[in-house]
Amino acid sequence: MSSKANPSQPVATTPRRSQVPVLDSTMSYVEAGASGPTVLFLHGNPTSSYIWRNIIPHVAPFGRCVAPDLIGYGQSGKPDIDYRFFDQIRYLDAFLDALDISDVVLVAQDWGTALAFHLAARLPRCILGLAFMEFIRPFARWEDFHQRPQAREMFKALRAPGVGEKLVLEDNVFVEKVLPASVLRTMSNEEMDAYRAPFPTPQSRKPVLRLPREMPIEGQPADVAAISAHDHRALLLSTYPKLLFAGDPGALIGPQAAQEFAAGLKNCRFINLGPGAHYLQEDHADAIGSAIAGWLPEVVLANRTGELA
């Protein structure tokens, strides 16, 4: 895994990659750090643990960082499944069981936030804290879904039978167009090749097509919309420490709306990262990593205080 980690850092904070059997497949993950709370990093579509490569080195001195490649993504297996959101839940649950991970600090973006919210809704006592950005939630109207009209039209096309298959399975548009257009800086050839590597064939791109079709917009798909609404109700009631990052103009949410959302949560701090779109980890890795590293001791203290209360 490519990283900006200093070679002089202790070995424990240097990211290392492993594989673990999960259900009928395997999941790949990056791990760094040894002591402190377990920090679980959850990526979205069409990325992988690679997106956390410049953030983990900031956090590893303060906790055990674990960043899986979701099933069908990165170096994880690609079983013959539908790759619905519910499949991602099953495989992530099995991954956490395999690694015996229970109490965690969650760090998530995009579909990783939907997984994080669902995990937190089911196991609130296991959540030490939640840092999140560019998050999935029920969108009542298409106009609520994305900051840019062009992006909304793209996602409508991705959800259209036949059209989405051509765009994603054949043209690989999510990796080649959507991803770089959602990062402000120009990514290097090496970085783009790392994002292309998991998806060399139309068959390998099935997960990338499925998740846009799972986005809960105007109540569809109904089962995902229902579970997302439930998980957000749980989020509003939760009291564990939270950290919400936003970029300007953002993609799924802008900074003003994000600040208002944070104000409506209990125990949530808001950080405006400045100019940014959807994949904020690629434009603001140092700021995100430093903020999480500075926030973690507060999370640990808050949980210790809660245990003593």
Foldseek 3Di string as FASTA:
>chain_A
DDAPADPPDPPQADWDKDWDDFDPWIKIKIKHADDAFEEEEEEAPPAFLVLLRHQSSLARPHYIYIGIGFDLHQPTHPDPDQLALVVSLRRVVRVCVRVVQFAYAYEYAESSQVSVLLVCLVRVVSYLEYEYENYAAAAQALPLFWPDPVVSVVLVQLLDPPSVLCCCLPVVCCLVPVVQVQWPDHDDPVVSCSSCVQRPHSSSRSNNSNVSQLRNYNCPPVVSNVSRNSSVVSQLVHARAYEYEAEVCEIRHGQVVSVVVQVSHHNYDYDYPYHGYRSVSNVQSPVNSNVCNVCSVVSVVVVVVVVVD
